[in-house]
Amino acid sequence: MPLDNQNNNPVTFVTSTLGNGVSGVTKTVGGVVGAGGRGVGQTITGMTGSAGKPLGDAIEALGNGVEGGAKNIGDGVENAGKGKKDFWK
C-alpha cells in the first residue's frame, strides 16, 4: 500500500494534534460559559418574574452567543489543524 506524504508528515501530525486539543478546550469552555449564562439568566427571570425577564433573557443570549462563537472558533482551529482550506468558513 503506497503511503502519501501528508499522512506521514510529522508537522501535519503535530498541527493536527494541537488543533484538535485547542479545539476541544475552546468548545468546552464555550459550553460551560453558555450553560452558566443560561442558568443565571433563568434564575434571574425565575426570581424576579416579568420585571427581571429582560435582564434574564439578555444574560441567556450573551451565554448562547459566547457558546456559539467558541464553537465556531473551535471548528476553525480543528479544520486548520487538519490542513483544510477555507477553514474559517
PDB file of N, CA and C in Angstrom:
ATOM      1  N   MET A   1       0.855  -1.166   0.000  1.00  0.00           N
ATOM      2  CA  MET A   1       0.000   0.000   0.000  1.00  0.00           C
ATOM      3  C   MET A   1       0.903   1.232   0.000  1.00  0.00           C
ATOM      4  N   PRO A   2       0.737   2.119  -0.967  1.00  0.00           N
ATOM      5  CA  PRO A   2       1.579   3.316  -1.001  1.00  0.00           C
ATOM      6  C   PRO A   2       1.198   4.277   0.118  1.00  0.00           C
ATOM      7  N   LEU A   3       2.185   4.956   0.598  1.00  0.00           N
ATOM      8  CA  LEU A   3       1.970   5.942   1.652  1.00  0.00           C
ATOM      9  C   LEU A   3       2.094   7.331   1.055  1.00  0.00           C
ATOM     10  N   ASP A   4       1.147   8.188   1.350  1.00  0.00           N
ATOM     11  CA  ASP A   4       1.285   9.549   0.846  1.00  0.00           C
ATOM     12  C   ASP A   4       1.992  10.407   1.892  1.00  0.00           C
ATOM     13  N   ASN A   5       2.585  11.485   1.441  1.00  0.00           N
ATOM     14  CA  ASN A   5       3.392  12.319   2.323  1.00  0.00           C
ATOM     15  C   ASN A   5       2.578  13.023   3.394  1.00  0.00           C
ATOM     16  N   GLN A   6       1.339  13.342   3.112  1.00  0.00           N
ATOM     17  CA  GLN A   6       0.549  14.090   4.078  1.00  0.00           C
ATOM     18  C   GLN A   6       0.304  13.259   5.340  1.00  0.00           C
ATOM     19  N   ASN A   7       0.071  11.970   5.197  1.00  0.00           N
ATOM     20  CA  ASN A   7      -0.197  11.132   6.365  1.00  0.00           C
ATOM     21  C   ASN A   7       1.057  10.832   7.168  1.00  0.00           C
ATOM     22  N   ASN A   8       2.226  10.962   6.582  1.00  0.00           N
ATOM     23  CA  ASN A   8       3.465  10.654   7.276  1.00  0.00           C
ATOM     24  C   ASN A   8       4.254  11.893   7.658  1.00  0.00           C
ATOM     25  N   ASN A   9       3.713  13.050   7.428  1.00  0.00           N
ATOM     26  CA  ASN A   9       4.408  14.294   7.710  1.00  0.00           C
ATOM     27  C   ASN A   9       4.299  14.595   9.205  1.00  0.00           C
ATOM     28  N   PRO A  10       5.438  14.681   9.916  1.00  0.00           N
ATOM     29  CA  PRO A  10       5.359  14.951  11.359  1.00  0.00           C
ATOM     30  C   PRO A  10       4.758  16.317  11.677  1.00  0.00           C
ATOM     31  N   VAL A  11       4.942  17.292  10.792  1.00  0.00           N
ATOM     32  CA  VAL A  11       4.358  18.618  11.023  1.00  0.00           C
ATOM     33  C   VAL A  11       2.835  18.524  10.982  1.00  0.00           C
ATOM     34  N   THR A  12       2.313  17.776  10.037  1.00  0.00           N
ATOM     35  CA  THR A  12       0.862  17.585   9.938  1.00  0.00           C
ATOM     36  C   THR A  12       0.338  16.909  11.199  1.00  0.00           C
ATOM     37  N   PHE A  13       1.063  15.915  11.678  1.00  0.00           N
ATOM     38  CA  PHE A  13       0.640  15.221  12.900  1.00  0.00           C
ATOM     39  C   PHE A  13       0.590  16.183  14.083  1.00  0.00           C
ATOM     40  N   VAL A  14       1.620  16.996  14.240  1.00  0.00           N
ATOM     41  CA  VAL A  14       1.685  17.934  15.366  1.00  0.00           C
ATOM     42  C   VAL A  14       0.594  18.993  15.250  1.00  0.00           C
ATOM     43  N   THR A  15       0.432  19.579  14.063  1.00  0.00           N
ATOM     44  CA  THR A  15      -0.585  20.627  13.920  1.00  0.00           C
ATOM     45  C   THR A  15      -1.986  20.047  14.092  1.00  0.00           C
ATOM     46  N   SER A  16      -2.194  18.835  13.616  1.00  0.00           N
ATOM     47  CA  SER A  16      -3.500  18.201  13.787  1.00  0.00           C
ATOM     48  C   SER A  16      -3.767  17.931  15.257  1.00  0.00           C
ATOM     49  N   THR A  17      -2.776  17.424  15.963  1.00  0.00           N
ATOM     50  CA  THR A  17      -2.937  17.135  17.387  1.00  0.00           C
ATOM     51  C   THR A  17      -3.182  18.408  18.179  1.00  0.00           C
ATOM     52  N   LEU A  18      -2.384  19.431  17.916  1.00  0.00           N
ATOM     53  CA  LEU A  18      -2.584  20.704  18.608  1.00  0.00           C
ATOM     54  C   LEU A  18      -3.938  21.315  18.260  1.00  0.00           C
ATOM     55  N   GLY A  19      -4.296  21.261  16.980  1.00  0.00           N
ATOM     56  CA  GLY A  19      -5.586  21.810  16.552  1.00  0.00           C
ATOM     57  C   GLY A  19      -6.748  21.122  17.237  1.00  0.00           C
ATOM     58  N   ASN A  20      -6.689  19.805  17.328  1.00  0.00           N
ATOM     59  CA  ASN A  20      -7.763  19.066  17.992  1.00  0.00           C
ATOM     60  C   ASN A  20      -7.816  19.385  19.481  1.00  0.00           C
ATOM     61  N   GLY A  21      -6.642  19.518  20.107  1.00  0.00           N
ATOM     62  CA  GLY A  21      -6.609  19.837  21.537  1.00  0.00           C
ATOM     63  C   GLY A  21      -7.159  21.217  21.833  1.00  0.00           C
ATOM     64  N   VAL A  22      -6.685  22.206  21.089  1.00  0.00           N
ATOM     65  CA  VAL A  22      -7.160  23.582  21.294  1.00  0.00           C
ATOM     66  C   VAL A  22      -8.647  23.674  20.976  1.00  0.00           C
ATOM     67  N   SER A  23      -9.065  22.986  19.939  1.00  0.00           N
ATOM     68  CA  SER A  23     -10.475  22.989  19.558  1.00  0.00           C
ATOM     69  C   SER A  23     -11.340  22.426  20.683  1.00  0.00           C
ATOM     70  N   GLY A  24     -10.919  21.311  21.238  1.00  0.00           N
ATOM     71  CA  GLY A  24     -11.689  20.688  22.312  1.00  0.00           C
ATOM     72  C   GLY A  24     -11.799  21.580  23.538  1.00  0.00           C
ATOM     73  N   VAL A  25     -10.687  22.196  23.924  1.00  0.00           N
ATOM     74  CA  VAL A  25     -10.703  23.090  25.083  1.00  0.00           C
ATOM     75  C   VAL A  25     -11.592  24.296  24.817  1.00  0.00           C
ATOM     76  N   THR A  26     -11.467  24.878  23.632  1.00  0.00           N
ATOM     77  CA  THR A  26     -12.268  26.059  23.291  1.00  0.00           C
ATOM     78  C   THR A  26     -13.753  25.740  23.320  1.00  0.00           C
ATOM     79  N   LYS A  27     -14.133  24.617  22.727  1.00  0.00           N
ATOM     80  CA  LYS A  27     -15.545  24.234  22.710  1.00  0.00           C
ATOM     81  C   LYS A  27     -16.051  23.925  24.116  1.00  0.00           C
ATOM     82  N   THR A  28     -15.213  23.312  24.946  1.00  0.00           N
ATOM     83  CA  THR A  28     -15.618  23.005  26.318  1.00  0.00           C
ATOM     84  C   THR A  28     -15.844  24.274  27.118  1.00  0.00           C
ATOM     85  N   VAL A  29     -14.913  25.205  27.034  1.00  0.00           N
ATOM     86  CA  VAL A  29     -15.059  26.478  27.752  1.00  0.00           C
ATOM     87  C   VAL A  29     -16.309  27.213  27.270  1.00  0.00           C
ATOM     88  N   GLY A  30     -16.515  27.233  25.963  1.00  0.00           N
ATOM     89  CA  GLY A  30     -17.711  27.880  25.422  1.00  0.00           C
ATOM     90  C   GLY A  30     -18.987  27.232  25.926  1.00  0.00           C
ATOM     91  N   GLY A  31     -18.990  25.904  25.995  1.00  0.00           N
ATOM     92  CA  GLY A  31     -20.167  25.193  26.501  1.00  0.00           C
ATOM     93  C   GLY A  31     -20.448  25.495  27.962  1.00  0.00           C
ATOM     94  N   VAL A  32     -19.382  25.571  28.754  1.00  0.00           N
ATOM     95  CA  VAL A  32     -19.544  25.882  30.181  1.00  0.00           C
ATOM     96  C   VAL A  32     -20.073  27.304  30.363  1.00  0.00           C
ATOM     97  N   VAL A  33     -19.490  28.249  29.631  1.00  0.00           N
ATOM     98  CA  VAL A  33     -19.952  29.641  29.726  1.00  0.00           C
ATOM     99  C   VAL A  33     -21.396  29.754  29.246  1.00  0.00           C
ATOM    100  N   GLY A  34     -21.725  29.068  28.158  1.00  0.00           N
ATOM    101  CA  GLY A  34     -23.094  29.112  27.644  1.00  0.00           C
ATOM    102  C   GLY A  34     -24.093  28.540  28.632  1.00  0.00           C
ATOM    103  N   ALA A  35     -23.766  27.392  29.206  1.00  0.00           N
ATOM    104  CA  ALA A  35     -24.670  26.774  30.182  1.00  0.00           C
ATOM    105  C   ALA A  35     -24.800  27.650  31.423  1.00  0.00           C
ATOM    106  N   GLY A  36     -23.681  28.229  31.858  1.00  0.00           N
ATOM    107  CA  GLY A  36     -23.726  29.123  33.017  1.00  0.00           C
ATOM    108  C   GLY A  36     -24.589  30.343  32.758  1.00  0.00           C
ATOM    109  N   GLY A  37     -24.442  30.917  31.573  1.00  0.00           N
ATOM    110  CA  GLY A  37     -25.248  32.083  31.208  1.00  0.00           C
ATOM    111  C   GLY A  37     -26.729  31.763  31.170  1.00  0.00           C
ATOM    112  N   ARG A  38     -27.052  30.609  30.601  1.00  0.00           N
ATOM    113  CA  ARG A  38     -28.466  30.211  30.575  1.00  0.00           C
ATOM    114  C   ARG A  38     -28.991  29.988  31.990  1.00  0.00           C
ATOM    115  N   GLY A  39     -28.197  29.348  32.828  1.00  0.00           N
ATOM    116  CA  GLY A  39     -28.624  29.094  34.206  1.00  0.00           C
ATOM    117  C   GLY A  39     -28.835  30.372  34.994  1.00  0.00           C
ATOM    118  N   VAL A  40     -27.888  31.298  34.894  1.00  0.00           N
ATOM    119  CA  VAL A  40     -28.020  32.575  35.616  1.00  0.00           C
ATOM    120  C   VAL A  40     -29.211  33.357  35.074  1.00  0.00           C
ATOM    121  N   GLY A  41     -29.349  33.388  33.758  1.00  0.00           N
ATOM    122  CA  GLY A  41     -30.471  34.117  33.157  1.00  0.00           C
ATOM    123  C   GLY A  41     -31.813  33.559  33.590  1.00  0.00           C
ATOM    124  N   GLN A  42     -31.932  32.246  33.599  1.00  0.00           N
ATOM    125  CA  GLN A  42     -33.192  31.622  34.013  1.00  0.00           C
ATOM    126  C   GLN A  42     -33.458  31.829  35.497  1.00  0.00           C
ATOM    127  N   THR A  43     -32.391  31.834  36.287  1.00  0.00           N
ATOM    128  CA  THR A  43     -32.546  32.083  37.724  1.00  0.00           C
ATOM    129  C   THR A  43     -33.046  33.501  37.969  1.00  0.00           C
ATOM    130  N   ILE A  44     -32.452  34.461  37.288  1.00  0.00           N
ATOM    131  CA  ILE A  44     -32.885  35.862  37.449  1.00  0.00           C
ATOM    132  C   ILE A  44     -34.343  36.012  37.033  1.00  0.00           C
ATOM    133  N   THR A  45     -34.698  35.424  35.910  1.00  0.00           N
ATOM    134  CA  THR A  45     -36.083  35.502  35.446  1.00  0.00           C
ATOM    135  C   THR A  45     -37.022  34.831  36.447  1.00  0.00           C
ATOM    136  N   GLY A  46     -36.636  33.684  36.955  1.00  0.00           N
ATOM    137  CA  GLY A  46     -37.473  32.969  37.915  1.00  0.00           C
ATOM    138  C   GLY A  46     -37.643  33.715  39.226  1.00  0.00           C
ATOM    139  N   MET A  47     -36.593  34.379  39.677  1.00  0.00           N
ATOM    140  CA  MET A  47     -36.645  35.088  40.958  1.00  0.00           C
ATOM    141  C   MET A  47     -37.396  36.414  40.872  1.00  0.00           C
ATOM    142  N   THR A  48     -37.287  37.068  39.730  1.00  0.00           N
ATOM    143  CA  THR A  48     -37.850  38.418  39.624  1.00  0.00           C
ATOM    144  C   THR A  48     -39.136  38.480  38.815  1.00  0.00           C
ATOM    145  N   GLY A  49     -39.476  37.403  38.159  1.00  0.00           N
ATOM    146  CA  GLY A  49     -40.691  37.396  37.352  1.00  0.00           C
ATOM    147  C   GLY A  49     -40.541  38.264  36.120  1.00  0.00           C
ATOM    148  N   SER A  50     -41.636  38.879  35.727  1.00  0.00           N
ATOM    149  CA  SER A  50     -41.629  39.657  34.486  1.00  0.00           C
ATOM    150  C   SER A  50     -40.743  40.896  34.583  1.00  0.00           C
ATOM    151  N   ALA A  51     -40.524  41.409  35.798  1.00  0.00           N
ATOM    152  CA  ALA A  51     -39.688  42.599  35.947  1.00  0.00           C
ATOM    153  C   ALA A  51     -38.236  42.308  35.547  1.00  0.00           C
ATOM    154  N   GLY A  52     -37.742  41.138  35.863  1.00  0.00           N
ATOM    155  CA  GLY A  52     -36.354  40.806  35.556  1.00  0.00           C
ATOM    156  C   GLY A  52     -36.174  40.010  34.280  1.00  0.00           C
ATOM    157  N   LYS A  53     -37.277  39.721  33.585  1.00  0.00           N
ATOM    158  CA  LYS A  53     -37.190  38.900  32.371  1.00  0.00           C
ATOM    159  C   LYS A  53     -36.272  39.495  31.309  1.00  0.00           C
ATOM    160  N   PRO A  54     -36.315  40.792  31.031  1.00  0.00           N
ATOM    161  CA  PRO A  54     -35.402  41.331  30.011  1.00  0.00           C
ATOM    162  C   PRO A  54     -33.925  41.116  30.372  1.00  0.00           C
ATOM    163  N   LEU A  55     -33.584  41.300  31.635  1.00  0.00           N
ATOM    164  CA  LEU A  55     -32.207  41.075  32.061  1.00  0.00           C
ATOM    165  C   LEU A  55     -31.849  39.592  31.978  1.00  0.00           C
ATOM    166  N   GLY A  56     -32.744  38.743  32.444  1.00  0.00           N
ATOM    167  CA  GLY A  56     -32.510  37.299  32.364  1.00  0.00           C
ATOM    168  C   GLY A  56     -32.340  36.828  30.931  1.00  0.00           C
ATOM    169  N   ASP A  57     -33.187  37.326  30.045  1.00  0.00           N
ATOM    170  CA  ASP A  57     -33.090  36.970  28.623  1.00  0.00           C
ATOM    171  C   ASP A  57     -31.774  37.464  28.020  1.00  0.00           C
ATOM    172  N   ALA A  58     -31.346  38.658  28.417  1.00  0.00           N
ATOM    173  CA  ALA A  58     -30.095  39.206  27.888  1.00  0.00           C
ATOM    174  C   ALA A  58     -28.898  38.370  28.336  1.00  0.00           C
ATOM    175  N   ILE A  59     -28.893  37.943  29.583  1.00  0.00           N
ATOM    176  CA  ILE A  59     -27.793  37.114  30.078  1.00  0.00           C
ATOM    177  C   ILE A  59     -27.787  35.760  29.378  1.00  0.00           C
ATOM    178  N   GLU A  60     -28.966  35.185  29.173  1.00  0.00           N
ATOM    179  CA  GLU A  60     -29.057  33.927  28.424  1.00  0.00           C
ATOM    180  C   GLU A  60     -28.519  34.105  27.008  1.00  0.00           C
ATOM    181  N   ALA A  61     -28.909  35.182  26.349  1.00  0.00           N
ATOM    182  CA  ALA A  61     -28.462  35.434  24.974  1.00  0.00           C
ATOM    183  C   ALA A  61     -26.954  35.629  24.923  1.00  0.00           C
ATOM    184  N   LEU A  62     -26.403  36.316  25.906  1.00  0.00           N
ATOM    185  CA  LEU A  62     -24.955  36.506  25.965  1.00  0.00           C
ATOM    186  C   LEU A  62     -24.245  35.163  26.111  1.00  0.00           C
ATOM    187  N   GLY A  63     -24.734  34.321  27.007  1.00  0.00           N
ATOM    188  CA  GLY A  63     -24.152  32.987  27.170  1.00  0.00           C
ATOM    189  C   GLY A  63     -24.236  32.170  25.903  1.00  0.00           C
ATOM    190  N   ASN A  64     -25.374  32.228  25.229  1.00  0.00           N
ATOM    191  CA  ASN A  64     -25.545  31.499  23.966  1.00  0.00           C
ATOM    192  C   ASN A  64     -24.596  32.026  22.894  1.00  0.00           C
ATOM    193  N   GLY A  65     -24.411  33.345  22.867  1.00  0.00           N
ATOM    194  CA  GLY A  65     -23.505  33.944  21.883  1.00  0.00           C
ATOM    195  C   GLY A  65     -22.061  33.523  22.114  1.00  0.00           C
ATOM    196  N   VAL A  66     -21.639  33.515  23.366  1.00  0.00           N
ATOM    197  CA  VAL A  66     -20.275  33.076  23.685  1.00  0.00           C
ATOM    198  C   VAL A  66     -20.102  31.612  23.298  1.00  0.00           C
ATOM    199  N   GLU A  67     -21.099  30.797  23.606  1.00  0.00           N
ATOM    200  CA  GLU A  67     -21.018  29.372  23.277  1.00  0.00           C
ATOM    201  C   GLU A  67     -20.928  29.161  21.765  1.00  0.00           C
ATOM    202  N   GLY A  68     -21.760  29.858  21.018  1.00  0.00           N
ATOM    203  CA  GLY A  68     -21.741  29.730  19.556  1.00  0.00           C
ATOM    204  C   GLY A  68     -20.434  30.219  18.956  1.00  0.00           C
ATOM    205  N   GLY A  69     -19.941  31.352  19.467  1.00  0.00           N
ATOM    206  CA  GLY A  69     -18.666  31.879  18.977  1.00  0.00           C
ATOM    207  C   GLY A  69     -17.510  30.934  19.267  1.00  0.00           C
ATOM    208  N   ALA A  70     -17.483  30.375  20.473  1.00  0.00           N
ATOM    209  CA  ALA A  70     -16.420  29.441  20.836  1.00  0.00           C
ATOM    210  C   ALA A  70     -16.480  28.189  19.969  1.00  0.00           C
ATOM    211  N   LYS A  71     -17.696  27.732  19.645  1.00  0.00           N
ATOM    212  CA  LYS A  71     -17.823  26.556  18.775  1.00  0.00           C
ATOM    213  C   LYS A  71     -17.266  26.856  17.385  1.00  0.00           C
ATOM    214  N   ASN A  72     -17.590  28.032  16.859  1.00  0.00           N
ATOM    215  CA  ASN A  72     -17.082  28.398  15.532  1.00  0.00           C
ATOM    216  C   ASN A  72     -15.561  28.502  15.525  1.00  0.00           C
ATOM    217  N   ILE A  73     -15.000  29.109  16.566  1.00  0.00           N
ATOM    218  CA  ILE A  73     -13.542  29.206  16.653  1.00  0.00           C
ATOM    219  C   ILE A  73     -12.928  27.819  16.780  1.00  0.00           C
ATOM    220  N   GLY A  74     -13.511  26.992  17.627  1.00  0.00           N
ATOM    221  CA  GLY A  74     -13.014  25.630  17.790  1.00  0.00           C
ATOM    222  C   GLY A  74     -13.060  24.832  16.500  1.00  0.00           C
ATOM    223  N   ASP A  75     -14.144  24.965  15.763  1.00  0.00           N
ATOM    224  CA  ASP A  75     -14.252  24.274  14.469  1.00  0.00           C
ATOM    225  C   ASP A  75     -13.185  24.772  13.503  1.00  0.00           C
ATOM    226  N   GLY A  76     -12.958  26.091  13.478  1.00  0.00           N
ATOM    227  CA  GLY A  76     -11.936  26.656  12.593  1.00  0.00           C
ATOM    228  C   GLY A  76     -10.544  26.177  12.944  1.00  0.00           C
ATOM    229  N   VAL A  77     -10.231  26.141  14.234  1.00  0.00           N
ATOM    230  CA  VAL A  77      -8.908  25.670  14.673  1.00  0.00           C
ATOM    231  C   VAL A  77      -8.742  24.196  14.325  1.00  0.00           C
ATOM    232  N   GLU A  78      -9.779  23.414  14.544  1.00  0.00           N
ATOM    233  CA  GLU A  78      -9.717  21.991  14.220  1.00  0.00           C
ATOM    234  C   GLU A  78      -9.491  21.780  12.722  1.00  0.00           C
ATOM    235  N   ASN A  79     -10.226  22.508  11.910  1.00  0.00           N
ATOM    236  CA  ASN A  79     -10.075  22.387  10.461  1.00  0.00           C
ATOM    237  C   ASN A  79      -8.698  22.863  10.004  1.00  0.00           C
ATOM    238  N   ALA A  80      -8.194  23.920  10.618  1.00  0.00           N
ATOM    239  CA  ALA A  80      -6.853  24.404  10.278  1.00  0.00           C
ATOM    240  C   ALA A  80      -5.806  23.353  10.624  1.00  0.00           C
ATOM    241  N   GLY A  81      -5.971  22.715  11.763  1.00  0.00           N
ATOM    242  CA  GLY A  81      -5.051  21.657  12.156  1.00  0.00           C
ATOM    243  C   GLY A  81      -5.073  20.474  11.216  1.00  0.00           C
ATOM    244  N   LYS A  82      -6.201  20.252  10.585  1.00  0.00           N
ATOM    245  CA  LYS A  82      -6.318  19.159   9.614  1.00  0.00           C
ATOM    246  C   LYS A  82      -5.818  19.572   8.234  1.00  0.00           C
ATOM    247  N   GLY A  83      -5.445  20.837   8.101  1.00  0.00           N
ATOM    248  CA  GLY A  83      -4.940  21.317   6.819  1.00  0.00           C
ATOM    249  C   GLY A  83      -6.024  21.602   5.806  1.00  0.00           C
ATOM    250  N   LYS A  84      -7.260  21.763   6.263  1.00  0.00           N
ATOM    251  CA  LYS A  84      -8.351  22.055   5.325  1.00  0.00           C
ATOM    252  C   LYS A  84      -8.252  23.492   4.842  1.00  0.00           C
ATOM    253  N   LYS A  85      -8.534  23.676   3.578  1.00  0.00           N
ATOM    254  CA  LYS A  85      -8.576  25.036   3.030  1.00  0.00           C
ATOM    255  C   LYS A  85      -9.896  25.681   3.391  1.00  0.00           C
ATOM    256  N   ASP A  86      -9.885  27.003   3.443  1.00  0.00           N
ATOM    257  CA  ASP A  86     -11.091  27.767   3.791  1.00  0.00           C
ATOM    258  C   ASP A  86     -11.647  27.337   5.140  1.00  0.00           C
ATOM    259  N   PHE A  87     -10.744  27.134   6.110  1.00  0.00           N
ATOM    260  CA  PHE A  87     -11.166  26.598   7.402  1.00  0.00           C
ATOM    261  C   PHE A  87     -11.960  27.570   8.249  1.00  0.00           C
ATOM    262  N   TRP A  88     -12.006  28.850   7.882  1.00  0.00           N
ATOM    263  CA  TRP A  88     -12.779  29.803   8.673  1.00  0.00           C
ATOM    264  C   TRP A  88     -14.190  29.978   8.155  1.00  0.00           C
ATOM    265  N   LYS A  89     -14.568  29.236   7.152  1.00  0.00           N
ATOM    266  CA  LYS A  89     -15.923  29.368   6.607  1.00  0.00           C
ATOM    267  C   LYS A  89     -16.863  28.431   7.309  1.00  0.00           C
TER     268      LYS A  89
END
